[in-house]
Amino acid sequence: ADVNVKPGPRRLISVQGLRGLAVVVVILVHLHH
C-alpha cells in the first residue's frame, strides 16, 4: 500500500441526515403547490 495516500474525510452522518430532511421539506412544499 502507498503510505502517502491521504485518508478521506470522515463521513458526517448527521449532516447528511440534515440534508435529507431539507430535501423532504422542499418536496413537501412543491407537492403543496
All heavy atoms as atom14 arrays in JSON, in Angstrom:
{
  "sequence": "ADVNVKPGPRRLISVQGLRGLAVVVVILVHLHH",
  "atom14_mask": [
    [1, 1, 1, 1, 1, 0, 0, 0, 0, 0, 0, 0, 0, 0],
    [1, 1, 1, 1, 1, 1, 1, 1, 0, 0, 0, 0, 0, 0],
    [1, 1, 1, 1, 1, 1, 1, 0, 0, 0, 0, 0, 0, 0],
    [1, 1, 1, 1, 1, 1, 1, 1, 0, 0, 0, 0, 0, 0],
    [1, 1, 1, 1, 1, 1, 1, 0, 0, 0, 0, 0, 0, 0],
    [1, 1, 1, 1, 1, 1, 1, 1, 1, 0, 0, 0, 0, 0],
    [1, 1, 1, 1, 1, 1, 1, 0, 0, 0, 0, 0, 0, 0],
    [1, 1, 1, 1, 0, 0, 0, 0, 0, 0, 0, 0, 0, 0],
    [1, 1, 1, 1, 1, 1, 1, 0, 0, 0, 0, 0, 0, 0],
    [1, 1, 1, 1, 1, 1, 1, 1, 1, 1, 1, 0, 0, 0],
    [1, 1, 1, 1, 1, 1, 1, 1, 1, 1, 1, 0, 0, 0],
    [1, 1, 1, 1, 1, 1, 1, 1, 0, 0, 0, 0, 0, 0],
    [1, 1, 1, 1, 1, 1, 1, 1, 0, 0, 0, 0, 0, 0],
    [1, 1, 1, 1, 1, 1, 0, 0, 0, 0, 0, 0, 0, 0],
    [1, 1, 1, 1, 1, 1, 1, 0, 0, 0, 0, 0, 0, 0],
    [1, 1, 1, 1, 1, 1, 1, 1, 1, 0, 0, 0, 0, 0],
    [1, 1, 1, 1, 0, 0, 0, 0, 0, 0, 0, 0, 0, 0],
    [1, 1, 1, 1, 1, 1, 1, 1, 0, 0, 0, 0, 0, 0],
    [1, 1, 1, 1, 1, 1, 1, 1, 1, 1, 1, 0, 0, 0],
    [1, 1, 1, 1, 0, 0, 0, 0, 0, 0, 0, 0, 0, 0],
    [1, 1, 1, 1, 1, 1, 1, 1, 0, 0, 0, 0, 0, 0],
    [1, 1, 1, 1, 1, 0, 0, 0, 0, 0, 0, 0, 0, 0],
    [1, 1, 1, 1, 1, 1, 1, 0, 0, 0, 0, 0, 0, 0],
    [1, 1, 1, 1, 1, 1, 1, 0, 0, 0, 0, 0, 0, 0],
    [1, 1, 1, 1, 1, 1, 1, 0, 0, 0, 0, 0, 0, 0],
    [1, 1, 1, 1, 1, 1, 1, 0, 0, 0, 0, 0, 0, 0],
    [1, 1, 1, 1, 1, 1, 1, 1, 0, 0, 0, 0, 0, 0],
    [1, 1, 1, 1, 1, 1, 1, 1, 0, 0, 0, 0, 0, 0],
    [1, 1, 1, 1, 1, 1, 1, 0, 0, 0, 0, 0, 0, 0],
    [1, 1, 1, 1, 1, 1, 1, 1, 1, 1, 0, 0, 0, 0],
    [1, 1, 1, 1, 1, 1, 1, 1, 0, 0, 0, 0, 0, 0],
    [1, 1, 1, 1, 1, 1, 1, 1, 1, 1, 0, 0, 0, 0],
    [1, 1, 1, 1, 1, 1, 1, 1, 1, 1, 0, 0, 0, 0]
  ],
  "atom14_positions": [
    [[0.83, -1.2, 0.0], [0.0, 0.0, 0.0], [0.86, 1.25, 0.0], [1.95, 1.28, 0.57], [-0.92, 0.0, 1.22], [0.0, 0.0, 0.0], [0.0, 0.0, 0.0], [0.0, 0.0, 0.0], [0.0, 0.0, 0.0], [0.0, 0.0, 0.0], [0.0, 0.0, 0.0], [0.0, 0.0, 0.0], [0.0, 0.0, 0.0], [0.0, 0.0, 0.0]],
    [[0.36, 2.29, -0.63], [1.06, 3.56, -0.67], [0.79, 4.31, 0.63], [-0.32, 4.73, 0.91], [0.53, 4.4, -1.87], [1.33, 5.69, -2.05], [2.14, 6.01, -1.17], [1.11, 6.36, -3.08], [0.0, 0.0, 0.0], [0.0, 0.0, 0.0], [0.0, 0.0, 0.0], [0.0, 0.0, 0.0], [0.0, 0.0, 0.0], [0.0, 0.0, 0.0]],
    [[1.85, 4.48, 1.44], [1.7, 5.1, 2.75], [1.46, 6.59, 2.65], [1.12, 7.25, 3.64], [2.94, 4.83, 3.63], [3.09, 3.35, 3.92], [4.2, 5.39, 2.96], [0.0, 0.0, 0.0], [0.0, 0.0, 0.0], [0.0, 0.0, 0.0], [0.0, 0.0, 0.0], [0.0, 0.0, 0.0], [0.0, 0.0, 0.0], [0.0, 0.0, 0.0]],
    [[1.64, 7.16, 1.45], [1.48, 8.6, 1.29], [0.05, 9.01, 0.93], [-0.25, 10.18, 0.81], [2.43, 9.12, 0.19], [3.89, 8.98, 0.61], [4.23, 9.26, 1.75], [4.74, 8.54, -0.32], [0.0, 0.0, 0.0], [0.0, 0.0, 0.0], [0.0, 0.0, 0.0], [0.0, 0.0, 0.0], [0.0, 0.0, 0.0], [0.0, 0.0, 0.0]],
    [[-0.81, 8.03, 0.7], [-2.19, 8.32, 0.35], [-2.91, 8.9, 1.56], [-2.9, 8.34, 2.64], [-2.92, 7.06, -0.14], [-4.4, 7.37, -0.37], [-2.28, 6.54, -1.42], [0.0, 0.0, 0.0], [0.0, 0.0, 0.0], [0.0, 0.0, 0.0], [0.0, 0.0, 0.0], [0.0, 0.0, 0.0], [0.0, 0.0, 0.0], [0.0, 0.0, 0.0]],
    [[-3.54, 10.07, 1.36], [-4.26, 10.71, 2.46], [-5.59, 10.0, 2.71], [-6.29, 9.67, 1.77], [-4.56, 12.18, 2.12], [-3.33, 13.05, 1.94], [-3.76, 14.46, 1.58], [-2.56, 15.36, 1.35], [-2.99, 16.74, 0.96], [0.0, 0.0, 0.0], [0.0, 0.0, 0.0], [0.0, 0.0, 0.0], [0.0, 0.0, 0.0], [0.0, 0.0, 0.0]],
    [[-5.92, 9.77, 3.99], [-7.23, 9.19, 4.26], [-8.33, 10.19, 3.91], [-8.14, 11.4, 4.07], [-7.19, 8.93, 5.78], [-6.18, 9.92, 6.3], [-5.14, 10.04, 5.21], [0.0, 0.0, 0.0], [0.0, 0.0, 0.0], [0.0, 0.0, 0.0], [0.0, 0.0, 0.0], [0.0, 0.0, 0.0], [0.0, 0.0, 0.0], [0.0, 0.0, 0.0]],
    [[-9.44, 9.69, 3.43], [-10.54, 10.59, 3.07], [-11.18, 11.16, 4.32], [-11.02, 10.64, 5.43], [0.0, 0.0, 0.0], [0.0, 0.0, 0.0], [0.0, 0.0, 0.0], [0.0, 0.0, 0.0], [0.0, 0.0, 0.0], [0.0, 0.0, 0.0], [0.0, 0.0, 0.0], [0.0, 0.0, 0.0], [0.0, 0.0, 0.0], [0.0, 0.0, 0.0]],
    [[-11.89, 12.26, 4.18], [-12.55, 12.87, 5.34], [-13.64, 11.95, 5.89], [-14.24, 11.18, 5.16], [-13.15, 14.16, 4.77], [-13.28, 13.91, 3.3], [-12.13, 13.01, 2.95], [0.0, 0.0, 0.0], [0.0, 0.0, 0.0], [0.0, 0.0, 0.0], [0.0, 0.0, 0.0], [0.0, 0.0, 0.0], [0.0, 0.0, 0.0], [0.0, 0.0, 0.0]],
    [[-13.84, 12.03, 7.19], [-14.85, 11.19, 7.85], [-16.24, 11.58, 7.37], [-16.56, 12.77, 7.24], [-14.74, 11.37, 9.37], [-15.67, 10.51, 10.17], [-15.27, 10.55, 11.63], [-15.29, 11.91, 12.14], [-16.36, 12.49, 12.69], [-17.51, 11.8, 12.77], [-16.31, 13.73, 13.14], [0.0, 0.0, 0.0], [0.0, 0.0, 0.0], [0.0, 0.0, 0.0]],
    [[-17.06, 10.58, 7.1], [-18.43, 10.83, 6.64], [-19.27, 11.33, 7.8], [-19.32, 10.69, 8.85], [-19.02, 9.55, 6.05], [-20.4, 9.74, 5.41], [-20.85, 8.45, 4.76], [-22.16, 8.57, 4.18], [-22.41, 9.06, 2.96], [-21.4, 9.45, 2.21], [-23.64, 9.13, 2.5], [0.0, 0.0, 0.0], [0.0, 0.0, 0.0], [0.0, 0.0, 0.0]],
    [[-19.9, 12.46, 7.63], [-20.71, 13.06, 8.69], [-22.18, 12.67, 8.49], [-22.9, 13.3, 7.72], [-20.55, 14.58, 8.67], [-19.11, 15.09, 8.86], [-19.07, 16.6, 8.78], [-18.54, 14.61, 10.19], [0.0, 0.0, 0.0], [0.0, 0.0, 0.0], [0.0, 0.0, 0.0], [0.0, 0.0, 0.0], [0.0, 0.0, 0.0], [0.0, 0.0, 0.0]],
    [[-22.6, 11.64, 9.2], [-23.95, 11.11, 9.03], [-25.0, 12.14, 9.43], [-26.04, 12.28, 8.77], [-24.12, 9.83, 9.88], [-23.08, 8.77, 9.48], [-25.54, 9.28, 9.7], [-23.16, 8.35, 8.04], [0.0, 0.0, 0.0], [0.0, 0.0, 0.0], [0.0, 0.0, 0.0], [0.0, 0.0, 0.0], [0.0, 0.0, 0.0], [0.0, 0.0, 0.0]],
    [[-24.73, 12.9, 10.5], [-25.72, 13.88, 10.97], [-25.96, 14.96, 9.92], [-27.1, 15.4, 9.73], [-25.25, 14.51, 12.28], [-23.98, 15.15, 12.1], [0.0, 0.0, 0.0], [0.0, 0.0, 0.0], [0.0, 0.0, 0.0], [0.0, 0.0, 0.0], [0.0, 0.0, 0.0], [0.0, 0.0, 0.0], [0.0, 0.0, 0.0], [0.0, 0.0, 0.0]],
    [[-24.88, 15.39, 9.24], [-25.02, 16.43, 8.22], [-25.79, 15.88, 7.02], [-26.65, 16.57, 6.45], [-23.64, 16.95, 7.78], [-23.78, 17.93, 6.61], [-22.94, 17.63, 8.95], [0.0, 0.0, 0.0], [0.0, 0.0, 0.0], [0.0, 0.0, 0.0], [0.0, 0.0, 0.0], [0.0, 0.0, 0.0], [0.0, 0.0, 0.0], [0.0, 0.0, 0.0]],
    [[-25.5, 14.65, 6.64], [-26.23, 14.02, 5.53], [-27.71, 13.87, 5.89], [-28.59, 14.02, 5.03], [-25.62, 12.66, 5.2], [-24.19, 12.72, 4.67], [-24.07, 13.5, 3.38], [-25.02, 13.62, 2.62], [-22.89, 14.06, 3.13], [0.0, 0.0, 0.0], [0.0, 0.0, 0.0], [0.0, 0.0, 0.0], [0.0, 0.0, 0.0], [0.0, 0.0, 0.0]],
    [[-27.97, 13.56, 7.16], [-29.35, 13.46, 7.6], [-30.06, 14.8, 7.51], [-31.24, 14.87, 7.12], [0.0, 0.0, 0.0], [0.0, 0.0, 0.0], [0.0, 0.0, 0.0], [0.0, 0.0, 0.0], [0.0, 0.0, 0.0], [0.0, 0.0, 0.0], [0.0, 0.0, 0.0], [0.0, 0.0, 0.0], [0.0, 0.0, 0.0], [0.0, 0.0, 0.0]],
    [[-29.36, 15.88, 7.87], [-29.93, 17.23, 7.77], [-30.22, 17.58, 6.32], [-31.27, 18.17, 6.02], [-28.95, 18.24, 8.37], [-29.44, 19.7, 8.44], [-30.69, 19.8, 9.31], [-28.32, 20.59, 9.01], [0.0, 0.0, 0.0], [0.0, 0.0, 0.0], [0.0, 0.0, 0.0], [0.0, 0.0, 0.0], [0.0, 0.0, 0.0], [0.0, 0.0, 0.0]],
    [[-29.32, 17.21, 5.44], [-29.55, 17.45, 4.0], [-30.78, 16.68, 3.53], [-31.6, 17.21, 2.77], [-28.32, 17.03, 3.2], [-28.51, 17.12, 1.7], [-27.3, 16.56, 0.96], [-26.25, 17.54, 0.81], [-25.1, 17.3, 0.17], [-24.87, 16.09, -0.33], [-24.19, 18.24, 0.05], [0.0, 0.0, 0.0], [0.0, 0.0, 0.0], [0.0, 0.0, 0.0]],
    [[-30.91, 15.42, 3.97], [-32.07, 14.63, 3.58], [-33.37, 15.24, 4.09], [-34.37, 15.26, 3.37], [0.0, 0.0, 0.0], [0.0, 0.0, 0.0], [0.0, 0.0, 0.0], [0.0, 0.0, 0.0], [0.0, 0.0, 0.0], [0.0, 0.0, 0.0], [0.0, 0.0, 0.0], [0.0, 0.0, 0.0], [0.0, 0.0, 0.0], [0.0, 0.0, 0.0]],
    [[-33.35, 15.77, 5.32], [-34.53, 16.42, 5.89], [-34.91, 17.64, 5.05], [-36.1, 17.87, 4.77], [-34.26, 16.83, 7.34], [-35.37, 17.64, 8.02], [-36.65, 16.81, 8.12], [-34.92, 18.09, 9.41], [0.0, 0.0, 0.0], [0.0, 0.0, 0.0], [0.0, 0.0, 0.0], [0.0, 0.0, 0.0], [0.0, 0.0, 0.0], [0.0, 0.0, 0.0]],
    [[-33.9, 18.42, 4.65], [-34.15, 19.61, 3.83], [-34.81, 19.22, 2.51], [-35.74, 19.88, 2.04], [-32.84, 20.36, 3.57], [0.0, 0.0, 0.0], [0.0, 0.0, 0.0], [0.0, 0.0, 0.0], [0.0, 0.0, 0.0], [0.0, 0.0, 0.0], [0.0, 0.0, 0.0], [0.0, 0.0, 0.0], [0.0, 0.0, 0.0], [0.0, 0.0, 0.0]],
    [[-34.32, 18.14, 1.9], [-34.89, 17.68, 0.63], [-36.36, 17.29, 0.8], [-37.21, 17.65, -0.02], [-34.08, 16.49, 0.08], [-34.8, 15.86, -1.11], [-32.68, 16.94, -0.35], [0.0, 0.0, 0.0], [0.0, 0.0, 0.0], [0.0, 0.0, 0.0], [0.0, 0.0, 0.0], [0.0, 0.0, 0.0], [0.0, 0.0, 0.0], [0.0, 0.0, 0.0]],
    [[-36.67, 16.58, 1.88], [-38.04, 16.14, 2.14], [-38.96, 17.35, 2.31], [-40.07, 17.4, 1.76], [-38.1, 15.24, 3.39], [-39.56, 15.0, 3.8], [-37.4, 13.92, 3.12], [0.0, 0.0, 0.0], [0.0, 0.0, 0.0], [0.0, 0.0, 0.0], [0.0, 0.0, 0.0], [0.0, 0.0, 0.0], [0.0, 0.0, 0.0], [0.0, 0.0, 0.0]],
    [[-38.49, 18.36, 3.06], [-39.31, 19.55, 3.3], [-39.57, 20.3, 1.99], [-40.68, 20.76, 1.73], [-38.62, 20.47, 4.32], [-39.36, 21.8, 4.43], [-38.57, 19.8, 5.69], [0.0, 0.0, 0.0], [0.0, 0.0, 0.0], [0.0, 0.0, 0.0], [0.0, 0.0, 0.0], [0.0, 0.0, 0.0], [0.0, 0.0, 0.0], [0.0, 0.0, 0.0]],
    [[-38.53, 20.41, 1.15], [-38.69, 21.09, -0.14], [-39.68, 20.32, -1.03], [-40.53, 20.92, -1.7], [-37.33, 21.23, -0.86], [-37.52, 21.73, -2.29], [-36.44, 22.19, -0.09], [0.0, 0.0, 0.0], [0.0, 0.0, 0.0], [0.0, 0.0, 0.0], [0.0, 0.0, 0.0], [0.0, 0.0, 0.0], [0.0, 0.0, 0.0], [0.0, 0.0, 0.0]],
    [[-39.58, 19.01, -1.02], [-40.52, 18.19, -1.8], [-41.95, 18.43, -1.32], [-42.88, 18.58, -2.12], [-40.16, 16.69, -1.69], [-38.87, 16.41, -2.46], [-41.31, 15.83, -2.24], [-38.36, 15.0, -2.27], [0.0, 0.0, 0.0], [0.0, 0.0, 0.0], [0.0, 0.0, 0.0], [0.0, 0.0, 0.0], [0.0, 0.0, 0.0], [0.0, 0.0, 0.0]],
    [[-42.15, 18.51, -0.01], [-43.48, 18.73, 0.54], [-44.07, 20.06, 0.09], [-45.26, 20.15, -0.24], [-43.44, 18.66, 2.07], [-43.33, 17.26, 2.68], [-43.14, 17.35, 4.18], [-44.57, 16.43, 2.35], [0.0, 0.0, 0.0], [0.0, 0.0, 0.0], [0.0, 0.0, 0.0], [0.0, 0.0, 0.0], [0.0, 0.0, 0.0], [0.0, 0.0, 0.0]],
    [[-43.24, 21.11, 0.08], [-43.78, 22.42, -0.32], [-44.13, 22.43, -1.8], [-45.13, 23.05, -2.21], [-42.79, 23.56, 0.02], [-41.62, 23.61, -0.93], [-43.52, 24.91, -0.01], [0.0, 0.0, 0.0], [0.0, 0.0, 0.0], [0.0, 0.0, 0.0], [0.0, 0.0, 0.0], [0.0, 0.0, 0.0], [0.0, 0.0, 0.0], [0.0, 0.0, 0.0]],
    [[-43.37, 21.72, -2.63], [-43.71, 21.66, -4.04], [-44.95, 20.81, -4.28], [-45.76, 21.12, -5.16], [-42.52, 21.13, -4.85], [-41.43, 22.15, -5.03], [-41.62, 23.3, -5.75], [-40.16, 22.19, -4.55], [-40.5, 24.01, -5.73], [-39.61, 23.36, -5.0], [0.0, 0.0, 0.0], [0.0, 0.0, 0.0], [0.0, 0.0, 0.0], [0.0, 0.0, 0.0]],
    [[-45.13, 19.77, -3.48], [-46.36, 18.99, -3.57], [-47.56, 19.83, -3.15], [-48.65, 19.72, -3.72], [-46.26, 17.74, -2.68], [-45.35, 16.62, -3.19], [-45.25, 15.51, -2.14], [-45.85, 16.06, -4.51], [0.0, 0.0, 0.0], [0.0, 0.0, 0.0], [0.0, 0.0, 0.0], [0.0, 0.0, 0.0], [0.0, 0.0, 0.0], [0.0, 0.0, 0.0]],
    [[-47.35, 20.69, -2.15], [-48.41, 21.6, -1.72], [-48.81, 22.53, -2.86], [-50.0, 22.75, -3.11], [-47.95, 22.41, -0.52], [-48.76, 23.64, -0.27], [-50.05, 23.61, 0.19], [-48.46, 24.95, -0.46], [-50.52, 24.84, 0.29], [-49.58, 25.67, -0.1], [0.0, 0.0, 0.0], [0.0, 0.0, 0.0], [0.0, 0.0, 0.0], [0.0, 0.0, 0.0]],
    [[-47.81, 23.09, -3.56], [-48.1, 23.98, -4.69], [-48.86, 23.24, -5.79], [-49.8, 23.78, -6.38], [-46.79, 24.54, -5.26], [-46.16, 25.54, -4.38], [-44.84, 25.94, -4.5], [-46.64, 26.26, -3.32], [-44.56, 26.83, -3.59], [-45.62, 27.05, -2.86], [0.0, 0.0, 0.0], [0.0, 0.0, 0.0], [0.0, 0.0, 0.0], [0.0, 0.0, 0.0]]
  ]
}
